[in-house]
Amino acid sequence: MRIREETYWQWADAQLHSRSHDEQLSDGTSIDVQVRLSRTGATQLFLGVYSGAGKAMVEEYYQNRPGETMTRAMVWGVDRARALLTGEFPLTEAPLRRQA
């Protein structure tokens, strides 16, 4: 079970349809990437990286991914989450945060 932080709850909106990608790694860590279109048509992205115990290691919310389709934003989000987990971007440089 994932323990969601404030960033996720800022993202959450049950009235908007979203697509998601969940991935569990062999060490128990997992990623959750979700994309949707806002009420104004902006492509929005949420990505979360969670420990095996479900604690949020990173949560990011992008209110707008200009020029990106939902599919392209999903691919970017999955790549970013994987890069965070592999150390390409140290987790200490990617704290829980909300992005514009």
PDB file of N, CA and C in Angstrom:
ATOM      1  N   MET A   1       0.839  -1.177   0.000  1.00  0.00           N
ATOM      2  CA  MET A   1       0.000   0.000   0.000  1.00  0.00           C
ATOM      3  C   MET A   1       0.890   1.248   0.000  1.00  0.00           C
ATOM      4  N   ARG A   2       0.555   2.189  -0.859  1.00  0.00           N
ATOM      5  CA  ARG A   2       1.337   3.423  -0.950  1.00  0.00           C
ATOM      6  C   ARG A   2       0.830   4.455   0.058  1.00  0.00           C
ATOM      7  N   ILE A   3       1.782   5.122   0.670  1.00  0.00           N
ATOM      8  CA  ILE A   3       1.447   6.195   1.599  1.00  0.00           C
ATOM      9  C   ILE A   3       1.611   7.493   0.821  1.00  0.00           C
ATOM     10  N   ARG A   4       0.491   8.067   0.409  1.00  0.00           N
ATOM     11  CA  ARG A   4       0.501   9.259  -0.430  1.00  0.00           C
ATOM     12  C   ARG A   4       0.821  10.498   0.400  1.00  0.00           C
ATOM     13  N   GLU A   5       1.559  11.410  -0.217  1.00  0.00           N
ATOM     14  CA  GLU A   5       1.936  12.668   0.421  1.00  0.00           C
ATOM     15  C   GLU A   5       1.082  13.801  -0.151  1.00  0.00           C
ATOM     16  N   GLU A   6       1.335  15.015   0.298  1.00  0.00           N
ATOM     17  CA  GLU A   6       0.553  16.186  -0.096  1.00  0.00           C
ATOM     18  C   GLU A   6       0.522  16.390  -1.609  1.00  0.00           C
ATOM     19  N   THR A   7       1.635  16.137  -2.280  1.00  0.00           N
ATOM     20  CA  THR A   7       1.696  16.355  -3.726  1.00  0.00           C
ATOM     21  C   THR A   7       0.655  15.505  -4.448  1.00  0.00           C
ATOM     22  N   TYR A   8       0.498  14.252  -4.033  1.00  0.00           N
ATOM     23  CA  TYR A   8      -0.502  13.400  -4.667  1.00  0.00           C
ATOM     24  C   TYR A   8      -1.901  13.969  -4.466  1.00  0.00           C
ATOM     25  N   TRP A   9      -2.200  14.414  -3.279  1.00  0.00           N
ATOM     26  CA  TRP A   9      -3.549  14.913  -2.987  1.00  0.00           C
ATOM     27  C   TRP A   9      -3.819  16.224  -3.712  1.00  0.00           C
ATOM     28  N   GLN A  10      -2.778  17.000  -4.031  1.00  0.00           N
ATOM     29  CA  GLN A  10      -2.963  18.189  -4.861  1.00  0.00           C
ATOM     30  C   GLN A  10      -3.297  17.776  -6.289  1.00  0.00           C
ATOM     31  N   TRP A  11      -2.771  16.664  -6.714  1.00  0.00           N
ATOM     32  CA  TRP A  11      -3.006  16.122  -8.055  1.00  0.00           C
ATOM     33  C   TRP A  11      -4.395  15.483  -8.166  1.00  0.00           C
ATOM     34  N   ALA A  12      -4.805  14.778  -7.160  1.00  0.00           N
ATOM     35  CA  ALA A  12      -5.996  13.929  -7.216  1.00  0.00           C
ATOM     36  C   ALA A  12      -7.249  14.721  -7.589  1.00  0.00           C
ATOM     37  N   ASP A  13      -8.008  14.185  -8.537  1.00  0.00           N
ATOM     38  CA  ASP A  13      -9.300  14.737  -8.935  1.00  0.00           C
ATOM     39  C   ASP A  13     -10.083  13.603  -9.576  1.00  0.00           C
ATOM     40  N   ALA A  14     -10.981  13.023  -8.818  1.00  0.00           N
ATOM     41  CA  ALA A  14     -11.716  11.840  -9.267  1.00  0.00           C
ATOM     42  C   ALA A  14     -12.597  12.109 -10.483  1.00  0.00           C
ATOM     43  N   GLN A  15     -12.873  13.368 -10.781  1.00  0.00           N
ATOM     44  CA  GLN A  15     -13.745  13.686 -11.911  1.00  0.00           C
ATOM     45  C   GLN A  15     -13.012  13.708 -13.245  1.00  0.00           C
ATOM     46  N   LEU A  16     -11.687  13.701 -13.208  1.00  0.00           N
ATOM     47  CA  LEU A  16     -10.915  13.711 -14.447  1.00  0.00           C
ATOM     48  C   LEU A  16     -10.398  12.308 -14.755  1.00  0.00           C
ATOM     49  N   HIS A  17     -10.566  11.900 -15.994  1.00  0.00           N
ATOM     50  CA  HIS A  17     -10.052  10.600 -16.439  1.00  0.00           C
ATOM     51  C   HIS A  17      -8.532  10.672 -16.544  1.00  0.00           C
ATOM     52  N   SER A  18      -7.865   9.646 -16.079  1.00  0.00           N
ATOM     53  CA  SER A  18      -6.403   9.612 -16.200  1.00  0.00           C
ATOM     54  C   SER A  18      -5.963   8.231 -16.669  1.00  0.00           C
ATOM     55  N   ARG A  19      -4.761   8.192 -17.203  1.00  0.00           N
ATOM     56  CA  ARG A  19      -4.114   6.929 -17.565  1.00  0.00           C
ATOM     57  C   ARG A  19      -2.957   6.741 -16.602  1.00  0.00           C
ATOM     58  N   SER A  20      -2.645   5.492 -16.305  1.00  0.00           N
ATOM     59  CA  SER A  20      -1.579   5.274 -15.332  1.00  0.00           C
ATOM     60  C   SER A  20      -0.640   4.145 -15.759  1.00  0.00           C
ATOM     61  N   HIS A  21       0.556   4.220 -15.208  1.00  0.00           N
ATOM     62  CA  HIS A  21       1.578   3.192 -15.391  1.00  0.00           C
ATOM     63  C   HIS A  21       2.123   2.865 -14.005  1.00  0.00           C
ATOM     64  N   ASP A  22       1.974   1.626 -13.578  1.00  0.00           N
ATOM     65  CA  ASP A  22       2.519   1.150 -12.303  1.00  0.00           C
ATOM     66  C   ASP A  22       3.604   0.134 -12.607  1.00  0.00           C
ATOM     67  N   GLU A  23       4.668   0.234 -11.843  1.00  0.00           N
ATOM     68  CA  GLU A  23       5.786  -0.693 -12.058  1.00  0.00           C
ATOM     69  C   GLU A  23       6.405  -1.026 -10.701  1.00  0.00           C
ATOM     70  N   GLN A  24       6.614  -2.306 -10.473  1.00  0.00           N
ATOM     71  CA  GLN A  24       7.249  -2.768  -9.234  1.00  0.00           C
ATOM     72  C   GLN A  24       8.594  -3.375  -9.581  1.00  0.00           C
ATOM     73  N   LEU A  25       9.634  -2.930  -8.876  1.00  0.00           N
ATOM     74  CA  LEU A  25      10.974  -3.449  -9.111  1.00  0.00           C
ATOM     75  C   LEU A  25      11.257  -4.628  -8.187  1.00  0.00           C
ATOM     76  N   SER A  26      12.305  -5.377  -8.507  1.00  0.00           N
ATOM     77  CA  SER A  26      12.618  -6.586  -7.749  1.00  0.00           C
ATOM     78  C   SER A  26      12.940  -6.304  -6.279  1.00  0.00           C
ATOM     79  N   ASP A  27      13.423  -5.093  -5.964  1.00  0.00           N
ATOM     80  CA  ASP A  27      13.726  -4.767  -4.569  1.00  0.00           C
ATOM     81  C   ASP A  27      12.517  -4.241  -3.800  1.00  0.00           C
ATOM     82  N   GLY A  28      11.350  -4.223  -4.443  1.00  0.00           N
ATOM     83  CA  GLY A  28      10.129  -3.790  -3.775  1.00  0.00           C
ATOM     84  C   GLY A  28       9.754  -2.345  -4.017  1.00  0.00           C
ATOM     85  N   THR A  29      10.687  -1.519  -4.511  1.00  0.00           N
ATOM     86  CA  THR A  29      10.327  -0.140  -4.818  1.00  0.00           C
ATOM     87  C   THR A  29       9.379  -0.132  -6.009  1.00  0.00           C
ATOM     88  N   SER A  30       8.589   0.926  -6.105  1.00  0.00           N
ATOM     89  CA  SER A  30       7.629   1.001  -7.197  1.00  0.00           C
ATOM     90  C   SER A  30       7.519   2.423  -7.715  1.00  0.00           C
ATOM     91  N   ILE A  31       7.035   2.514  -8.951  1.00  0.00           N
ATOM     92  CA  ILE A  31       6.750   3.818  -9.524  1.00  0.00           C
ATOM     93  C   ILE A  31       5.287   3.861  -9.937  1.00  0.00           C
ATOM     94  N   ASP A  32       4.730   5.049  -9.868  1.00  0.00           N
ATOM     95  CA  ASP A  32       3.347   5.306 -10.261  1.00  0.00           C
ATOM     96  C   ASP A  32       3.368   6.578 -11.089  1.00  0.00           C
ATOM     97  N   VAL A  33       3.033   6.465 -12.364  1.00  0.00           N
ATOM     98  CA  VAL A  33       2.986   7.625 -13.240  1.00  0.00           C
ATOM     99  C   VAL A  33       1.571   7.726 -13.780  1.00  0.00           C
ATOM    100  N   GLN A  34       0.996   8.926 -13.693  1.00  0.00           N
ATOM    101  CA  GLN A  34      -0.364   9.159 -14.170  1.00  0.00           C
ATOM    102  C   GLN A  34      -0.390  10.419 -15.016  1.00  0.00           C
ATOM    103  N   VAL A  35      -1.157  10.378 -16.097  1.00  0.00           N
ATOM    104  CA  VAL A  35      -1.354  11.545 -16.951  1.00  0.00           C
ATOM    105  C   VAL A  35      -2.844  11.760 -17.144  1.00  0.00           C
ATOM    106  N   ARG A  36      -3.185  13.006 -17.443  1.00  0.00           N
ATOM    107  CA  ARG A  36      -4.591  13.339 -17.700  1.00  0.00           C
ATOM    108  C   ARG A  36      -4.645  14.662 -18.448  1.00  0.00           C
ATOM    109  N   LEU A  37      -5.829  14.985 -18.942  1.00  0.00           N
ATOM    110  CA  LEU A  37      -6.093  16.298 -19.492  1.00  0.00           C
ATOM    111  C   LEU A  37      -6.899  17.073 -18.461  1.00  0.00           C
ATOM    112  N   SER A  38      -6.473  18.306 -18.204  1.00  0.00           N
ATOM    113  CA  SER A  38      -7.196  19.159 -17.261  1.00  0.00           C
ATOM    114  C   SER A  38      -8.512  19.598 -17.897  1.00  0.00           C
ATOM    115  N   ARG A  39      -9.324  20.276 -17.139  1.00  0.00           N
ATOM    116  CA  ARG A  39     -10.589  20.797 -17.654  1.00  0.00           C
ATOM    117  C   ARG A  39     -10.369  21.803 -18.787  1.00  0.00           C
ATOM    118  N   THR A  40      -9.191  22.407 -18.827  1.00  0.00           N
ATOM    119  CA  THR A  40      -8.879  23.381 -19.891  1.00  0.00           C
ATOM    120  C   THR A  40      -8.085  22.753 -21.028  1.00  0.00           C
ATOM    121  N   GLY A  41      -7.828  21.449 -20.961  1.00  0.00           N
ATOM    122  CA  GLY A  41      -7.142  20.735 -22.029  1.00  0.00           C
ATOM    123  C   GLY A  41      -5.641  20.612 -21.882  1.00  0.00           C
ATOM    124  N   ALA A  42      -5.083  21.052 -20.754  1.00  0.00           N
ATOM    125  CA  ALA A  42      -3.644  20.936 -20.521  1.00  0.00           C
ATOM    126  C   ALA A  42      -3.288  19.498 -20.146  1.00  0.00           C
ATOM    127  N   THR A  43      -2.184  19.004 -20.681  1.00  0.00           N
ATOM    128  CA  THR A  43      -1.686  17.686 -20.301  1.00  0.00           C
ATOM    129  C   THR A  43      -0.988  17.816 -18.949  1.00  0.00           C
ATOM    130  N   GLN A  44      -1.444  17.047 -17.973  1.00  0.00           N
ATOM    131  CA  GLN A  44      -0.890  17.089 -16.620  1.00  0.00           C
ATOM    132  C   GLN A  44      -0.278  15.738 -16.281  1.00  0.00           C
ATOM    133  N   LEU A  45       0.741  15.770 -15.407  1.00  0.00           N
ATOM    134  CA  LEU A  45       1.494  14.563 -15.085  1.00  0.00           C
ATOM    135  C   LEU A  45       1.753  14.474 -13.591  1.00  0.00           C
ATOM    136  N   PHE A  46       1.598  13.287 -13.051  1.00  0.00           N
ATOM    137  CA  PHE A  46       1.999  12.982 -11.677  1.00  0.00           C
ATOM    138  C   PHE A  46       2.954  11.813 -11.746  1.00  0.00           C
ATOM    139  N   LEU A  47       4.049  11.883 -10.965  1.00  0.00           N
ATOM    140  CA  LEU A  47       4.888  10.698 -10.835  1.00  0.00           C
ATOM    141  C   LEU A  47       5.267  10.518  -9.381  1.00  0.00           C
ATOM    142  N   GLY A  48       5.254   9.276  -8.960  1.00  0.00           N
ATOM    143  CA  GLY A  48       5.620   8.929  -7.601  1.00  0.00           C
ATOM    144  C   GLY A  48       6.580   7.758  -7.593  1.00  0.00           C
ATOM    145  N   VAL A  49       7.543   7.824  -6.696  1.00  0.00           N
ATOM    146  CA  VAL A  49       8.494   6.730  -6.466  1.00  0.00           C
ATOM    147  C   VAL A  49       8.328   6.340  -5.007  1.00  0.00           C
ATOM    148  N   TYR A  50       8.104   5.054  -4.746  1.00  0.00           N
ATOM    149  CA  TYR A  50       7.751   4.586  -3.404  1.00  0.00           C
ATOM    150  C   TYR A  50       8.668   3.440  -2.971  1.00  0.00           C
ATOM    151  N   SER A  51       9.007   3.448  -1.697  1.00  0.00           N
ATOM    152  CA  SER A  51       9.831   2.370  -1.139  1.00  0.00           C
ATOM    153  C   SER A  51       9.013   1.082  -1.082  1.00  0.00           C
ATOM    154  N   GLY A  52       9.679  -0.015  -0.783  1.00  0.00           N
ATOM    155  CA  GLY A  52       8.987  -1.288  -0.645  1.00  0.00           C
ATOM    156  C   GLY A  52       7.927  -1.274   0.444  1.00  0.00           C
ATOM    157  N   ALA A  53       8.110  -0.418   1.452  1.00  0.00           N
ATOM    158  CA  ALA A  53       7.135  -0.289   2.535  1.00  0.00           C
ATOM    159  C   ALA A  53       5.993   0.663   2.170  1.00  0.00           C
ATOM    160  N   GLY A  54       6.079   1.281   0.970  1.00  0.00           N
ATOM    161  CA  GLY A  54       5.017   2.162   0.513  1.00  0.00           C
ATOM    162  C   GLY A  54       5.247   3.640   0.789  1.00  0.00           C
ATOM    163  N   LYS A  55       6.343   3.974   1.456  1.00  0.00           N
ATOM    164  CA  LYS A  55       6.611   5.381   1.777  1.00  0.00           C
ATOM    165  C   LYS A  55       7.050   6.130   0.523  1.00  0.00           C
ATOM    166  N   ALA A  56       6.507   7.336   0.356  1.00  0.00           N
ATOM    167  CA  ALA A  56       6.869   8.162  -0.793  1.00  0.00           C
ATOM    168  C   ALA A  56       8.325   8.596  -0.685  1.00  0.00           C
ATOM    169  N   MET A  57       9.084   8.315  -1.732  1.00  0.00           N
ATOM    170  CA  MET A  57      10.463   8.782  -1.823  1.00  0.00           C
ATOM    171  C   MET A  57      10.495  10.070  -2.646  1.00  0.00           C
ATOM    172  N   VAL A  58       9.688  10.114  -3.704  1.00  0.00           N
ATOM    173  CA  VAL A  58       9.540  11.287  -4.564  1.00  0.00           C
ATOM    174  C   VAL A  58       8.104  11.318  -5.062  1.00  0.00           C
ATOM    175  N   GLU A  59       7.494  12.488  -5.047  1.00  0.00           N
ATOM    176  CA  GLU A  59       6.222  12.728  -5.721  1.00  0.00           C
ATOM    177  C   GLU A  59       6.345  14.060  -6.438  1.00  0.00           C
ATOM    178  N   GLU A  60       6.038  14.073  -7.720  1.00  0.00           N
ATOM    179  CA  GLU A  60       6.071  15.303  -8.509  1.00  0.00           C
ATOM    180  C   GLU A  60       4.762  15.444  -9.270  1.00  0.00           C
ATOM    181  N   TYR A  61       4.297  16.679  -9.384  1.00  0.00           N
ATOM    182  CA  TYR A  61       3.065  16.986 -10.093  1.00  0.00           C
ATOM    183  C   TYR A  61       3.350  18.136 -11.039  1.00  0.00           C
ATOM    184  N   TYR A  62       3.135  17.919 -12.320  1.00  0.00           N
ATOM    185  CA  TYR A  62       3.330  18.936 -13.337  1.00  0.00           C
ATOM    186  C   TYR A  62       1.964  19.387 -13.829  1.00  0.00           C
ATOM    187  N   GLN A  63       1.627  20.634 -13.603  1.00  0.00           N
ATOM    188  CA  GLN A  63       0.315  21.163 -13.977  1.00  0.00           C
ATOM    189  C   GLN A  63       0.142  21.265 -15.481  1.00  0.00           C
ATOM    190  N   ASN A  64       1.254  21.362 -16.204  1.00  0.00           N
ATOM    191  CA  ASN A  64       1.157  21.509 -17.649  1.00  0.00           C
ATOM    192  C   ASN A  64       2.432  20.982 -18.303  1.00  0.00           C
ATOM    193  N   ARG A  65       2.263  20.131 -19.296  1.00  0.00           N
ATOM    194  CA  ARG A  65       3.381  19.634 -20.117  1.00  0.00           C
ATOM    195  C   ARG A  65       3.125  20.169 -21.531  1.00  0.00           C
ATOM    196  N   PRO A  66       3.474  21.442 -21.773  1.00  0.00           N
ATOM    197  CA  PRO A  66       3.141  22.094 -23.044  1.00  0.00           C
ATOM    198  C   PRO A  66       3.644  21.323 -24.258  1.00  0.00           C
ATOM    199  N   GLY A  67       2.777  21.194 -25.247  1.00  0.00           N
ATOM    200  CA  GLY A  67       3.144  20.540 -26.496  1.00  0.00           C
ATOM    201  C   GLY A  67       3.214  19.029 -26.428  1.00  0.00           C
ATOM    202  N   GLU A  68       2.882  18.432 -25.288  1.00  0.00           N
ATOM    203  CA  GLU A  68       2.953  16.980 -25.155  1.00  0.00           C
ATOM    204  C   GLU A  68       1.558  16.363 -25.122  1.00  0.00           C
ATOM    205  N   THR A  69       1.430  15.251 -25.837  1.00  0.00           N
ATOM    206  CA  THR A  69       0.215  14.448 -25.716  1.00  0.00           C
ATOM    207  C   THR A  69       0.275  13.678 -24.402  1.00  0.00           C
ATOM    208  N   MET A  70      -0.819  13.043 -24.035  1.00  0.00           N
ATOM    209  CA  MET A  70      -0.806  12.212 -22.835  1.00  0.00           C
ATOM    210  C   MET A  70       0.210  11.084 -22.980  1.00  0.00           C
ATOM    211  N   THR A  71       0.303  10.498 -24.162  1.00  0.00           N
ATOM    212  CA  THR A  71       1.233   9.392 -24.390  1.00  0.00           C
ATOM    213  C   THR A  71       2.682   9.850 -24.227  1.00  0.00           C
ATOM    214  N   ARG A  72       3.017  10.981 -24.836  1.00  0.00           N
ATOM    215  CA  ARG A  72       4.390  11.488 -24.747  1.00  0.00           C
ATOM    216  C   ARG A  72       4.733  11.869 -23.305  1.00  0.00           C
ATOM    217  N   ALA A  73       3.788  12.486 -22.590  1.00  0.00           N
ATOM    218  CA  ALA A  73       4.018  12.846 -21.184  1.00  0.00           C
ATOM    219  C   ALA A  73       4.207  11.594 -20.330  1.00  0.00           C
ATOM    220  N   MET A  74       3.441  10.541 -20.614  1.00  0.00           N
ATOM    221  CA  MET A  74       3.569   9.285 -19.872  1.00  0.00           C
ATOM    222  C   MET A  74       4.971   8.705 -20.052  1.00  0.00           C
ATOM    223  N   VAL A  75       5.449   8.676 -21.287  1.00  0.00           N
ATOM    224  CA  VAL A  75       6.781   8.140 -21.561  1.00  0.00           C
ATOM    225  C   VAL A  75       7.837   8.964 -20.816  1.00  0.00           C
ATOM    226  N   TRP A  76       7.731  10.290 -20.866  1.00  0.00           N
ATOM    227  CA  TRP A  76       8.685  11.148 -20.167  1.00  0.00           C
ATOM    228  C   TRP A  76       8.653  10.876 -18.665  1.00  0.00           C
ATOM    229  N   GLY A  77       7.443  10.747 -18.092  1.00  0.00           N
ATOM    230  CA  GLY A  77       7.306  10.508 -16.658  1.00  0.00           C
ATOM    231  C   GLY A  77       7.888   9.169 -16.228  1.00  0.00           C
ATOM    232  N   VAL A  78       7.647   8.122 -17.003  1.00  0.00           N
ATOM    233  CA  VAL A  78       8.198   6.798 -16.687  1.00  0.00           C
ATOM    234  C   VAL A  78       9.719   6.840 -16.780  1.00  0.00           C
ATOM    235  N   ASP A  79      10.235   7.473 -17.820  1.00  0.00           N
ATOM    236  CA  ASP A  79      11.693   7.591 -17.956  1.00  0.00           C
ATOM    237  C   ASP A  79      12.287   8.353 -16.781  1.00  0.00           C
ATOM    238  N   ARG A  80      11.645   9.440 -16.371  1.00  0.00           N
ATOM    239  CA  ARG A  80      12.147  10.229 -15.242  1.00  0.00           C
ATOM    240  C   ARG A  80      12.115   9.418 -13.951  1.00  0.00           C
ATOM    241  N   ALA A  81      11.022   8.720 -13.697  1.00  0.00           N
ATOM    242  CA  ALA A  81      10.923   7.908 -12.478  1.00  0.00           C
ATOM    243  C   ALA A  81      12.005   6.825 -12.459  1.00  0.00           C
ATOM    244  N   ARG A  82      12.207   6.171 -13.579  1.00  0.00           N
ATOM    245  CA  ARG A  82      13.254   5.138 -13.653  1.00  0.00           C
ATOM    246  C   ARG A  82      14.628   5.754 -13.427  1.00  0.00           C
ATOM    247  N   ALA A  83      14.868   6.941 -13.992  1.00  0.00           N
ATOM    248  CA  ALA A  83      16.161   7.613 -13.809  1.00  0.00           C
ATOM    249  C   ALA A  83      16.376   7.956 -12.338  1.00  0.00           C
ATOM    250  N   LEU A  84      15.324   8.367 -11.651  1.00  0.00           N
ATOM    251  CA  LEU A  84      15.444   8.651 -10.216  1.00  0.00           C
ATOM    252  C   LEU A  84      15.832   7.391  -9.454  1.00  0.00           C
ATOM    253  N   LEU A  85      15.255   6.274  -9.830  1.00  0.00           N
ATOM    254  CA  LEU A  85      15.542   5.019  -9.131  1.00  0.00           C
ATOM    255  C   LEU A  85      16.922   4.457  -9.449  1.00  0.00           C
ATOM    256  N   THR A  86      17.416   4.694 -10.637  1.00  0.00           N
ATOM    257  CA  THR A  86      18.717   4.149 -11.012  1.00  0.00           C
ATOM    258  C   THR A  86      19.867   5.053 -10.592  1.00  0.00           C
ATOM    259  N   GLY A  87      19.542   6.216 -10.047  1.00  0.00           N
ATOM    260  CA  GLY A  87      20.574   7.115  -9.574  1.00  0.00           C
ATOM    261  C   GLY A  87      21.033   8.145 -10.574  1.00  0.00           C
ATOM    262  N   GLU A  88      20.418   8.157 -11.765  1.00  0.00           N
ATOM    263  CA  GLU A  88      20.773   9.171 -12.745  1.00  0.00           C
ATOM    264  C   GLU A  88      20.502  10.566 -12.185  1.00  0.00           C
ATOM    265  N   PHE A  89      19.423  10.694 -11.427  1.00  0.00           N
ATOM    266  CA  PHE A  89      19.106  11.902 -10.672  1.00  0.00           C
ATOM    267  C   PHE A  89      19.036  11.471  -9.219  1.00  0.00           C
ATOM    268  N   PRO A  90      19.982  11.873  -8.385  1.00  0.00           N
ATOM    269  CA  PRO A  90      19.944  11.462  -6.978  1.00  0.00           C
ATOM    270  C   PRO A  90      18.629  11.867  -6.297  1.00  0.00           C
ATOM    271  N   LEU A  91      18.073  10.953  -5.522  1.00  0.00           N
ATOM    272  CA  LEU A  91      16.815  11.242  -4.832  1.00  0.00           C
ATOM    273  C   LEU A  91      16.944  12.427  -3.901  1.00  0.00           C
ATOM    274  N   THR A  92      18.134  12.696  -3.393  1.00  0.00           N
ATOM    275  CA  THR A  92      18.313  13.850  -2.519  1.00  0.00           C
ATOM    276  C   THR A  92      18.140  15.153  -3.288  1.00  0.00           C
ATOM    277  N   GLU A  93      18.281  15.108  -4.615  1.00  0.00           N
ATOM    278  CA  GLU A  93      18.075  16.295  -5.435  1.00  0.00           C
ATOM    279  C   GLU A  93      16.651  16.364  -5.957  1.00  0.00           C
ATOM    280  N   ALA A  94      15.827  15.415  -5.607  1.00  0.00           N
ATOM    281  CA  ALA A  94      14.444  15.399  -6.090  1.00  0.00           C
ATOM    282  C   ALA A  94      13.503  15.203  -4.903  1.00  0.00           C
ATOM    283  N   PRO A  95      13.411  16.205  -4.022  1.00  0.00           N
ATOM    284  CA  PRO A  95      12.530  16.065  -2.871  1.00  0.00           C
ATOM    285  C   PRO A  95      11.063  16.074  -3.271  1.00  0.00           C
ATOM    286  N   LEU A  96      10.204  15.709  -2.331  1.00  0.00           N
ATOM    287  CA  LEU A  96       8.763  15.800  -2.588  1.00  0.00           C
ATOM    288  C   LEU A  96       8.470  17.227  -2.986  1.00  0.00           C
ATOM    289  N   ARG A  97       7.781  17.398  -4.104  1.00  0.00           N
ATOM    290  CA  ARG A  97       7.515  18.756  -4.531  1.00  0.00           C
ATOM    291  C   ARG A  97       6.427  18.804  -5.582  1.00  0.00           C
ATOM    292  N   ARG A  98       5.934  19.999  -5.773  1.00  0.00           N
ATOM    293  CA  ARG A  98       4.942  20.270  -6.813  1.00  0.00           C
ATOM    294  C   ARG A  98       5.613  21.138  -7.864  1.00  0.00           C
ATOM    295  N   GLN A  99       5.450  20.790  -9.111  1.00  0.00           N
ATOM    296  CA  GLN A  99       6.050  21.538 -10.208  1.00  0.00           C
ATOM    297  C   GLN A  99       4.976  22.296 -10.962  1.00  0.00           C
ATOM    298  N   ALA A 100       5.326  23.457 -11.471  1.00  0.00           N
ATOM    299  CA  ALA A 100       4.403  24.242 -12.312  1.00  0.00           C
ATOM    300  C   ALA A 100       4.461  23.748 -13.733  1.00  0.00           C
TER     301      ALA A 100
END
